[in-house]
């Protein structure tokens, strides 16, 4: 638990440091823009995710998520399974249009594990996130997120995680 608190404190300090030193982006506001991208987690058993993003305003964006991962269980093909992920999330950006923009957000995800033919295990997940998006160009950005995860279904679980991603904006 102490290492988790140190991680949270470090992320908050880094976020405040970057907020103090960023330069405004030359691009105009983000309202009405949309894009597509990918995100992957640092956990090898979590799903690789394709996202679609729509900006409601310069500081609020909606994400749609679809993920997939094939889980190989110790070279035992009989126990291998596929994991699918569907979800929706909101990102509240802490600053207006900037080159680097930190955000907080919430994702609601449904995870379905196809264990065997005709047998599926479904769980729901609520992810609180803190991260940042860095615009390399007006239409291309890189992002990183720290996650607090709450899974509920057959068993309730609490955990942490992270995601790295890139997004290409179409307009």
N, C-alpha and C. Protein backbone atom coordinates (compact mmCIF):
# COMPACT_ATOMS: atom_id res chain seq x y z
N UNK A 1 0.82 -1.19 0.00
CA UNK A 1 0.00 0.00 0.00
C UNK A 1 0.87 1.26 0.00
N UNK A 2 2.03 1.19 0.71
CA UNK A 2 2.91 2.36 0.74
C UNK A 2 3.46 2.67 -0.64
N UNK A 3 3.80 1.62 -1.42
CA UNK A 3 4.33 1.86 -2.76
C UNK A 3 3.26 2.48 -3.66
N UNK A 4 1.99 2.09 -3.47
CA UNK A 4 0.89 2.67 -4.24
C UNK A 4 0.74 4.14 -3.92
N UNK A 5 0.82 4.51 -2.65
CA UNK A 5 0.71 5.91 -2.25
C UNK A 5 1.88 6.73 -2.80
N UNK A 6 3.10 6.14 -2.80
CA UNK A 6 4.25 6.82 -3.37
C UNK A 6 4.05 7.06 -4.86
N UNK A 7 3.50 6.06 -5.56
CA UNK A 7 3.24 6.20 -6.99
C UNK A 7 2.24 7.33 -7.25
N UNK A 8 1.15 7.36 -6.49
CA UNK A 8 0.15 8.42 -6.66
C UNK A 8 0.74 9.80 -6.38
N UNK A 9 1.51 9.92 -5.32
CA UNK A 9 2.13 11.20 -4.98
C UNK A 9 3.12 11.63 -6.06
N UNK A 10 3.91 10.70 -6.57
CA UNK A 10 4.86 11.01 -7.64
C UNK A 10 4.14 11.48 -8.89
N UNK A 11 3.05 10.79 -9.27
CA UNK A 11 2.29 11.18 -10.45
C UNK A 11 1.68 12.57 -10.29
N UNK A 12 1.14 12.86 -9.11
CA UNK A 12 0.57 14.19 -8.86
C UNK A 12 1.63 15.28 -8.96
N UNK A 13 2.80 15.05 -8.37
CA UNK A 13 3.88 16.04 -8.42
C UNK A 13 4.37 16.26 -9.85
N UNK A 14 4.51 15.16 -10.60
CA UNK A 14 4.93 15.30 -12.00
C UNK A 14 3.88 16.06 -12.81
N UNK A 15 2.62 15.77 -12.58
CA UNK A 15 1.55 16.47 -13.27
C UNK A 15 1.56 17.95 -12.99
N UNK A 16 1.73 18.34 -11.72
CA UNK A 16 1.79 19.75 -11.37
C UNK A 16 3.01 20.43 -11.98
N UNK A 17 4.14 19.73 -12.00
CA UNK A 17 5.35 20.28 -12.60
C UNK A 17 5.13 20.56 -14.09
N UNK A 18 4.57 19.58 -14.81
CA UNK A 18 4.34 19.78 -16.25
C UNK A 18 3.31 20.87 -16.50
N UNK A 19 2.28 20.97 -15.66
CA UNK A 19 1.27 22.02 -15.84
C UNK A 19 1.89 23.40 -15.72
N UNK A 20 2.89 23.53 -14.88
CA UNK A 20 3.51 24.83 -14.67
C UNK A 20 4.43 25.25 -15.83
N UNK A 21 4.92 24.28 -16.61
CA UNK A 21 5.92 24.59 -17.62
C UNK A 21 5.46 24.39 -19.06
N UNK A 22 4.22 24.12 -19.31
CA UNK A 22 3.78 23.86 -20.68
C UNK A 22 3.57 25.15 -21.46
N UNK A 23 3.68 25.03 -22.77
CA UNK A 23 3.43 26.16 -23.68
C UNK A 23 2.13 25.93 -24.41
N UNK A 24 1.38 26.97 -24.71
CA UNK A 24 0.14 26.78 -25.45
C UNK A 24 0.41 26.19 -26.84
N UNK A 25 -0.48 25.34 -27.26
CA UNK A 25 -0.40 24.75 -28.60
C UNK A 25 -0.92 25.77 -29.60
N UNK A 26 -0.35 25.78 -30.80
CA UNK A 26 -0.79 26.72 -31.81
C UNK A 26 -2.16 26.36 -32.38
N UNK A 27 -2.59 25.13 -32.16
CA UNK A 27 -3.88 24.68 -32.70
C UNK A 27 -5.03 25.39 -32.00
N UNK A 28 -6.14 25.47 -32.71
CA UNK A 28 -7.33 26.07 -32.13
C UNK A 28 -8.00 25.07 -31.22
N UNK A 29 -9.19 25.40 -30.71
CA UNK A 29 -9.91 24.55 -29.79
C UNK A 29 -10.20 23.17 -30.33
N UNK A 30 -10.55 22.26 -29.44
CA UNK A 30 -10.80 20.87 -29.80
C UNK A 30 -12.28 20.54 -29.94
N UNK A 31 -13.17 21.43 -29.55
CA UNK A 31 -14.61 21.13 -29.57
C UNK A 31 -15.05 20.68 -30.97
N UNK A 32 -15.78 19.55 -31.02
CA UNK A 32 -16.30 19.03 -32.27
C UNK A 32 -15.33 18.14 -33.03
N UNK A 33 -14.11 17.98 -32.54
CA UNK A 33 -13.13 17.14 -33.23
C UNK A 33 -13.30 15.68 -32.80
N UNK A 34 -12.89 14.78 -33.67
CA UNK A 34 -12.95 13.36 -33.34
C UNK A 34 -11.72 12.67 -33.91
N UNK A 35 -11.42 11.51 -33.34
CA UNK A 35 -10.26 10.77 -33.79
C UNK A 35 -10.33 9.32 -33.39
N UNK A 36 -9.34 8.57 -33.86
CA UNK A 36 -9.23 7.15 -33.56
C UNK A 36 -7.81 6.86 -33.11
N UNK A 37 -7.67 5.85 -32.28
CA UNK A 37 -6.34 5.52 -31.81
C UNK A 37 -6.28 4.14 -31.19
N UNK A 38 -5.13 3.87 -30.58
CA UNK A 38 -4.92 2.59 -29.89
C UNK A 38 -4.34 2.87 -28.52
N UNK A 39 -4.63 1.97 -27.60
CA UNK A 39 -4.04 2.02 -26.27
C UNK A 39 -3.69 0.59 -25.87
N UNK A 40 -2.60 0.45 -25.16
CA UNK A 40 -2.22 -0.86 -24.64
C UNK A 40 -1.79 -0.69 -23.19
N UNK A 41 -2.01 -1.73 -22.42
CA UNK A 41 -1.72 -1.69 -21.00
C UNK A 41 -0.33 -2.25 -20.73
N UNK A 42 0.15 -1.99 -19.55
CA UNK A 42 1.43 -2.56 -19.13
C UNK A 42 1.25 -4.00 -18.63
N UNK A 43 0.02 -4.43 -18.40
CA UNK A 43 -0.30 -5.78 -17.94
C UNK A 43 -0.52 -6.68 -19.16
N UNK A 44 0.24 -7.78 -19.31
CA UNK A 44 0.11 -8.62 -20.50
C UNK A 44 -1.23 -9.36 -20.61
N UNK A 45 -2.03 -9.37 -19.56
CA UNK A 45 -3.32 -10.06 -19.63
C UNK A 45 -4.49 -9.11 -19.85
N UNK A 46 -4.23 -7.84 -19.99
CA UNK A 46 -5.30 -6.89 -20.29
C UNK A 46 -5.42 -6.72 -21.79
N UNK A 47 -6.55 -6.22 -22.23
CA UNK A 47 -6.86 -6.15 -23.66
C UNK A 47 -6.17 -4.97 -24.33
N UNK A 48 -5.68 -5.20 -25.54
CA UNK A 48 -5.22 -4.16 -26.45
C UNK A 48 -6.47 -3.45 -26.94
N UNK A 49 -6.51 -2.13 -26.88
CA UNK A 49 -7.76 -1.39 -27.09
C UNK A 49 -7.67 -0.44 -28.28
N UNK A 50 -8.73 -0.43 -29.08
CA UNK A 50 -8.93 0.55 -30.14
C UNK A 50 -9.95 1.55 -29.60
N UNK A 51 -9.65 2.84 -29.71
CA UNK A 51 -10.56 3.84 -29.16
C UNK A 51 -11.01 4.82 -30.23
N UNK A 52 -12.18 5.36 -30.01
CA UNK A 52 -12.69 6.48 -30.78
C UNK A 52 -12.94 7.61 -29.79
N UNK A 53 -12.54 8.82 -30.14
CA UNK A 53 -12.69 9.96 -29.22
C UNK A 53 -13.45 11.08 -29.90
N UNK A 54 -14.37 11.68 -29.15
CA UNK A 54 -15.10 12.86 -29.61
C UNK A 54 -15.00 13.93 -28.53
N UNK A 55 -14.62 15.14 -28.92
CA UNK A 55 -14.49 16.26 -28.00
C UNK A 55 -15.81 17.04 -27.97
N UNK A 56 -16.48 17.05 -26.80
CA UNK A 56 -17.69 17.86 -26.62
C UNK A 56 -17.34 19.34 -26.49
N UNK A 57 -16.24 19.62 -25.81
CA UNK A 57 -15.76 20.98 -25.62
C UNK A 57 -14.24 20.93 -25.57
N UNK A 58 -13.60 22.07 -25.34
CA UNK A 58 -12.13 22.09 -25.28
C UNK A 58 -11.59 21.32 -24.07
N UNK A 59 -12.44 21.00 -23.11
CA UNK A 59 -11.97 20.33 -21.90
C UNK A 59 -12.68 19.03 -21.57
N UNK A 60 -13.60 18.55 -22.44
CA UNK A 60 -14.36 17.33 -22.15
C UNK A 60 -14.41 16.45 -23.40
N UNK A 61 -13.96 15.19 -23.26
CA UNK A 61 -13.95 14.26 -24.39
C UNK A 61 -14.60 12.94 -23.98
N UNK A 62 -15.25 12.30 -24.95
CA UNK A 62 -15.90 11.00 -24.77
C UNK A 62 -15.10 9.96 -25.55
N UNK A 63 -14.80 8.83 -24.90
CA UNK A 63 -14.08 7.73 -25.53
C UNK A 63 -14.98 6.52 -25.67
N UNK A 64 -14.92 5.86 -26.81
CA UNK A 64 -15.52 4.55 -27.00
C UNK A 64 -14.38 3.55 -27.13
N UNK A 65 -14.46 2.41 -26.43
CA UNK A 65 -13.36 1.45 -26.38
C UNK A 65 -13.80 0.08 -26.90
N UNK A 66 -12.94 -0.56 -27.68
CA UNK A 66 -13.10 -1.96 -28.05
C UNK A 66 -11.73 -2.61 -27.92
N UNK A 67 -11.66 -3.70 -27.17
CA UNK A 67 -10.37 -4.35 -26.96
C UNK A 67 -10.41 -5.84 -27.21
N UNK A 68 -9.23 -6.40 -27.48
CA UNK A 68 -9.09 -7.83 -27.71
C UNK A 68 -7.71 -8.27 -27.26
N UNK A 69 -7.64 -9.49 -26.69
CA UNK A 69 -6.35 -10.10 -26.33
C UNK A 69 -6.54 -11.60 -26.31
N UNK A 70 -5.58 -12.32 -26.90
CA UNK A 70 -5.54 -13.78 -26.82
C UNK A 70 -4.61 -14.14 -25.67
N UNK A 71 -5.12 -14.87 -24.69
CA UNK A 71 -4.35 -15.21 -23.49
C UNK A 71 -3.84 -16.64 -23.62
N UNK A 72 -2.52 -16.77 -23.66
CA UNK A 72 -1.87 -18.07 -23.75
C UNK A 72 -1.54 -18.54 -22.34
N UNK A 73 -2.12 -19.66 -21.92
CA UNK A 73 -1.96 -20.16 -20.55
C UNK A 73 -0.91 -21.26 -20.53
N UNK A 74 0.33 -20.92 -20.24
CA UNK A 74 1.42 -21.87 -20.02
C UNK A 74 1.51 -22.98 -21.07
N UNK A 75 1.46 -22.63 -22.31
CA UNK A 75 1.58 -23.60 -23.42
C UNK A 75 0.55 -24.71 -23.37
N UNK A 76 -0.56 -24.50 -22.67
CA UNK A 76 -1.63 -25.48 -22.59
C UNK A 76 -2.78 -24.97 -23.46
N UNK A 77 -2.82 -25.40 -24.71
CA UNK A 77 -3.80 -24.87 -25.67
C UNK A 77 -5.24 -25.09 -25.22
N UNK A 78 -5.50 -26.10 -24.42
CA UNK A 78 -6.88 -26.38 -23.98
C UNK A 78 -7.40 -25.28 -23.05
N UNK A 79 -6.51 -24.59 -22.34
CA UNK A 79 -6.94 -23.56 -21.39
C UNK A 79 -6.75 -22.13 -21.90
N UNK A 80 -6.24 -21.96 -23.12
CA UNK A 80 -6.11 -20.63 -23.70
C UNK A 80 -7.49 -20.02 -23.89
N UNK A 81 -7.57 -18.70 -23.85
CA UNK A 81 -8.87 -18.05 -24.05
C UNK A 81 -8.71 -16.68 -24.68
N UNK A 82 -9.82 -16.15 -25.17
CA UNK A 82 -9.86 -14.82 -25.79
C UNK A 82 -10.56 -13.86 -24.84
N UNK A 83 -10.06 -12.64 -24.77
CA UNK A 83 -10.66 -11.61 -23.93
C UNK A 83 -11.14 -10.46 -24.82
N UNK A 84 -12.41 -10.08 -24.66
CA UNK A 84 -12.99 -8.95 -25.39
C UNK A 84 -13.35 -7.87 -24.38
N UNK A 85 -13.25 -6.63 -24.80
CA UNK A 85 -13.51 -5.50 -23.92
C UNK A 85 -14.32 -4.45 -24.68
N UNK A 86 -15.40 -4.01 -24.08
CA UNK A 86 -16.24 -2.95 -24.63
C UNK A 86 -16.42 -1.90 -23.55
N UNK A 87 -16.36 -0.62 -23.91
CA UNK A 87 -16.51 0.38 -22.87
C UNK A 87 -16.73 1.77 -23.40
N UNK A 88 -17.01 2.64 -22.43
CA UNK A 88 -17.22 4.06 -22.71
C UNK A 88 -16.56 4.84 -21.57
N UNK A 89 -16.02 6.00 -21.88
CA UNK A 89 -15.36 6.78 -20.85
C UNK A 89 -15.42 8.27 -21.12
N UNK A 90 -15.21 9.04 -20.06
CA UNK A 90 -15.16 10.49 -20.14
C UNK A 90 -13.80 10.96 -19.63
N UNK A 91 -13.23 11.95 -20.32
CA UNK A 91 -11.99 12.60 -19.89
C UNK A 91 -12.29 14.07 -19.64
N UNK A 92 -11.97 14.54 -18.46
CA UNK A 92 -12.08 15.97 -18.14
C UNK A 92 -10.66 16.52 -18.13
N UNK A 93 -10.35 17.37 -19.12
CA UNK A 93 -9.01 17.95 -19.23
C UNK A 93 -8.91 19.12 -18.27
N UNK A 94 -7.75 19.25 -17.65
CA UNK A 94 -7.57 20.24 -16.59
C UNK A 94 -7.23 21.63 -17.12
N UNK A 95 -6.79 21.71 -18.37
CA UNK A 95 -6.43 22.97 -18.99
C UNK A 95 -7.17 23.11 -20.31
N UNK A 96 -7.19 24.31 -20.88
CA UNK A 96 -7.74 24.50 -22.21
C UNK A 96 -6.79 23.88 -23.24
N UNK A 97 -6.96 24.18 -24.52
CA UNK A 97 -6.09 23.60 -25.55
C UNK A 97 -4.62 23.94 -25.29
N UNK A 98 -3.83 22.93 -25.07
CA UNK A 98 -2.41 23.07 -24.78
C UNK A 98 -1.65 21.97 -25.53
N UNK A 99 -0.36 22.12 -25.64
CA UNK A 99 0.47 21.06 -26.24
C UNK A 99 0.47 19.83 -25.33
N UNK A 100 0.61 20.02 -24.04
CA UNK A 100 0.47 18.93 -23.06
C UNK A 100 -0.73 19.26 -22.20
N UNK A 101 -1.63 18.31 -22.05
CA UNK A 101 -2.86 18.56 -21.31
C UNK A 101 -3.15 17.40 -20.37
N UNK A 102 -3.03 17.60 -19.05
CA UNK A 102 -3.38 16.54 -18.10
C UNK A 102 -4.90 16.38 -18.00
N UNK A 103 -5.34 15.18 -17.62
CA UNK A 103 -6.77 14.93 -17.50
C UNK A 103 -7.04 13.94 -16.37
N UNK A 104 -8.27 13.96 -15.92
CA UNK A 104 -8.81 12.94 -15.03
C UNK A 104 -10.01 12.35 -15.78
N UNK A 105 -10.34 11.13 -15.47
CA UNK A 105 -11.45 10.53 -16.19
C UNK A 105 -11.99 9.29 -15.52
N UNK A 106 -13.03 8.75 -16.14
CA UNK A 106 -13.71 7.57 -15.64
C UNK A 106 -14.13 6.73 -16.83
N UNK A 107 -13.79 5.44 -16.81
CA UNK A 107 -14.19 4.49 -17.85
C UNK A 107 -15.08 3.43 -17.24
N UNK A 108 -16.14 3.06 -17.95
CA UNK A 108 -16.95 1.90 -17.59
C UNK A 108 -16.74 0.86 -18.67
N UNK A 109 -16.26 -0.33 -18.29
CA UNK A 109 -15.89 -1.36 -19.25
C UNK A 109 -16.59 -2.67 -18.91
N UNK A 110 -16.92 -3.43 -19.93
CA UNK A 110 -17.43 -4.79 -19.78
C UNK A 110 -16.42 -5.71 -20.43
N UNK A 111 -15.95 -6.67 -19.65
CA UNK A 111 -14.92 -7.60 -20.12
C UNK A 111 -15.54 -8.99 -20.23
N UNK A 112 -15.39 -9.61 -21.40
CA UNK A 112 -15.92 -10.96 -21.61
C UNK A 112 -14.77 -11.88 -21.99
N UNK A 113 -14.60 -12.94 -21.21
CA UNK A 113 -13.58 -13.95 -21.48
C UNK A 113 -14.25 -15.17 -22.08
N UNK A 114 -13.87 -15.50 -23.31
CA UNK A 114 -14.39 -16.69 -23.99
C UNK A 114 -13.50 -17.86 -23.58
N UNK A 115 -13.90 -18.57 -22.52
CA UNK A 115 -13.05 -19.60 -21.93
C UNK A 115 -13.02 -20.87 -22.77
N UNK A 116 -14.16 -21.37 -23.11
CA UNK A 116 -14.29 -22.57 -23.94
C UNK A 116 -15.52 -22.39 -24.80
N UNK A 117 -15.71 -23.28 -25.73
CA UNK A 117 -16.90 -23.18 -26.58
C UNK A 117 -18.16 -23.17 -25.73
N UNK A 118 -18.92 -22.09 -25.86
CA UNK A 118 -20.18 -22.00 -25.14
C UNK A 118 -20.05 -21.54 -23.70
N UNK A 119 -18.83 -21.26 -23.22
CA UNK A 119 -18.65 -20.83 -21.83
C UNK A 119 -17.94 -19.48 -21.80
N UNK A 120 -18.64 -18.47 -21.25
CA UNK A 120 -18.10 -17.11 -21.20
C UNK A 120 -18.19 -16.58 -19.77
N UNK A 121 -17.14 -15.89 -19.34
CA UNK A 121 -17.11 -15.24 -18.03
C UNK A 121 -17.12 -13.74 -18.28
N UNK A 122 -18.13 -13.04 -17.74
CA UNK A 122 -18.27 -11.60 -17.97
C UNK A 122 -18.11 -10.85 -16.66
N UNK A 123 -17.30 -9.81 -16.67
CA UNK A 123 -17.14 -8.94 -15.52
C UNK A 123 -17.24 -7.49 -15.97
N UNK A 124 -17.59 -6.62 -15.06
CA UNK A 124 -17.64 -5.18 -15.32
C UNK A 124 -16.49 -4.52 -14.58
N UNK A 125 -16.06 -3.40 -15.10
CA UNK A 125 -14.92 -2.71 -14.51
C UNK A 125 -15.16 -1.22 -14.55
N UNK A 126 -14.82 -0.55 -13.47
CA UNK A 126 -14.88 0.90 -13.39
C UNK A 126 -13.45 1.38 -13.14
N UNK A 127 -12.93 2.18 -14.08
CA UNK A 127 -11.55 2.67 -13.99
C UNK A 127 -11.53 4.17 -13.76
N UNK A 128 -10.95 4.58 -12.65
CA UNK A 128 -10.64 5.99 -12.45
C UNK A 128 -9.25 6.22 -13.02
N UNK A 129 -9.05 7.33 -13.73
CA UNK A 129 -7.75 7.52 -14.37
C UNK A 129 -7.25 8.95 -14.23
N UNK A 130 -5.95 9.06 -14.20
CA UNK A 130 -5.24 10.34 -14.21
C UNK A 130 -4.15 10.20 -15.25
N UNK A 131 -4.08 11.13 -16.17
CA UNK A 131 -3.06 11.01 -17.21
C UNK A 131 -2.82 12.31 -17.92
N UNK A 132 -2.16 12.18 -19.05
CA UNK A 132 -1.85 13.35 -19.85
C UNK A 132 -1.80 12.98 -21.31
N UNK A 133 -2.11 13.97 -22.14
CA UNK A 133 -2.06 13.80 -23.59
C UNK A 133 -1.12 14.86 -24.13
N UNK A 134 -0.14 14.44 -24.92
CA UNK A 134 0.84 15.35 -25.50
C UNK A 134 0.65 15.38 -27.01
N UNK A 135 0.39 16.56 -27.56
CA UNK A 135 0.16 16.72 -28.99
C UNK A 135 1.49 16.96 -29.70
N UNK A 136 1.93 15.97 -30.46
CA UNK A 136 3.14 16.10 -31.25
C UNK A 136 2.88 16.99 -32.48
N UNK A 137 1.65 16.93 -32.96
CA UNK A 137 1.18 17.76 -34.07
C UNK A 137 -0.30 18.06 -33.80
N UNK A 138 -0.89 18.89 -34.64
CA UNK A 138 -2.28 19.26 -34.40
C UNK A 138 -3.21 18.05 -34.44
N UNK A 139 -2.87 17.04 -35.25
CA UNK A 139 -3.75 15.88 -35.41
C UNK A 139 -3.20 14.60 -34.82
N UNK A 140 -2.11 14.63 -34.10
CA UNK A 140 -1.52 13.41 -33.55
C UNK A 140 -1.06 13.63 -32.12
N UNK A 141 -1.45 12.71 -31.23
CA UNK A 141 -1.06 12.85 -29.83
C UNK A 141 -0.65 11.51 -29.24
N UNK A 142 0.15 11.59 -28.19
CA UNK A 142 0.53 10.43 -27.37
C UNK A 142 -0.09 10.63 -26.00
N UNK A 143 -0.49 9.52 -25.35
CA UNK A 143 -1.10 9.66 -24.03
C UNK A 143 -0.58 8.58 -23.09
N UNK A 144 -0.66 8.88 -21.80
CA UNK A 144 -0.32 7.94 -20.74
C UNK A 144 -1.32 8.13 -19.61
N UNK A 145 -1.72 7.02 -18.98
CA UNK A 145 -2.72 7.07 -17.91
C UNK A 145 -2.32 6.13 -16.78
N UNK A 146 -2.55 6.57 -15.56
CA UNK A 146 -2.46 5.71 -14.38
C UNK A 146 -3.91 5.38 -13.99
N UNK A 147 -4.15 4.12 -13.65
CA UNK A 147 -5.52 3.64 -13.41
C UNK A 147 -5.71 3.11 -12.01
N UNK A 148 -6.89 3.36 -11.46
CA UNK A 148 -7.40 2.68 -10.27
C UNK A 148 -8.60 1.88 -10.74
N UNK A 149 -8.53 0.55 -10.62
CA UNK A 149 -9.55 -0.33 -11.21
C UNK A 149 -10.38 -0.99 -10.13
N UNK A 150 -11.68 -1.01 -10.37
CA UNK A 150 -12.60 -1.74 -9.52
C UNK A 150 -13.39 -2.68 -10.42
N UNK A 151 -13.14 -3.99 -10.26
CA UNK A 151 -13.87 -5.00 -11.04
C UNK A 151 -14.94 -5.61 -10.17
N UNK A 152 -16.10 -5.81 -10.77
CA UNK A 152 -17.17 -6.47 -10.04
C UNK A 152 -17.88 -7.44 -10.97
N UNK A 153 -18.33 -8.50 -10.42
CA UNK A 153 -18.97 -9.60 -11.15
C UNK A 153 -19.04 -10.77 -10.19
N UNK A 154 -18.46 -11.91 -10.59
CA UNK A 154 -18.42 -13.06 -9.69
C UNK A 154 -17.57 -12.75 -8.46
N UNK A 155 -16.46 -12.05 -8.66
CA UNK A 155 -15.60 -11.66 -7.56
C UNK A 155 -15.28 -10.18 -7.70
N UNK A 156 -15.26 -9.46 -6.57
CA UNK A 156 -14.88 -8.05 -6.60
C UNK A 156 -13.37 -7.95 -6.43
N UNK A 157 -12.74 -7.13 -7.26
CA UNK A 157 -11.30 -6.93 -7.19
C UNK A 157 -10.98 -5.45 -7.25
N UNK A 158 -9.90 -5.05 -6.59
CA UNK A 158 -9.40 -3.69 -6.68
C UNK A 158 -7.95 -3.78 -7.13
N UNK A 159 -7.56 -2.95 -8.09
CA UNK A 159 -6.19 -2.99 -8.56
C UNK A 159 -5.78 -1.67 -9.19
N UNK A 160 -4.56 -1.67 -9.67
CA UNK A 160 -4.01 -0.50 -10.35
C UNK A 160 -3.48 -0.94 -11.71
N UNK A 161 -3.18 0.02 -12.54
CA UNK A 161 -2.64 -0.29 -13.85
C UNK A 161 -2.23 0.97 -14.57
N UNK A 162 -1.91 0.80 -15.82
CA UNK A 162 -1.52 1.94 -16.64
C UNK A 162 -1.75 1.63 -18.10
N UNK A 163 -1.87 2.67 -18.90
CA UNK A 163 -2.06 2.54 -20.34
C UNK A 163 -1.22 3.58 -21.07
N UNK A 164 -0.71 3.19 -22.22
CA UNK A 164 -0.03 4.09 -23.13
C UNK A 164 -0.77 4.05 -24.45
N UNK A 165 -0.86 5.19 -25.14
CA UNK A 165 -1.61 5.18 -26.39
C UNK A 165 -1.22 6.29 -27.33
N UNK A 166 -1.82 6.23 -28.51
CA UNK A 166 -1.67 7.28 -29.52
C UNK A 166 -3.01 7.48 -30.21
N UNK A 167 -3.28 8.72 -30.60
CA UNK A 167 -4.56 9.06 -31.23
C UNK A 167 -4.28 9.95 -32.44
N UNK A 168 -4.97 9.64 -33.54
CA UNK A 168 -4.91 10.45 -34.74
C UNK A 168 -6.27 11.12 -34.91
N UNK A 169 -6.30 12.44 -35.00
CA UNK A 169 -7.55 13.20 -35.14
C UNK A 169 -7.83 13.45 -36.62
N UNK A 170 -9.08 13.23 -37.02
CA UNK A 170 -9.46 13.31 -38.43
C UNK A 170 -9.85 14.72 -38.86
N UNK A 171 -10.28 15.57 -37.97
CA UNK A 171 -10.69 16.92 -38.38
C UNK A 171 -10.03 17.97 -37.54
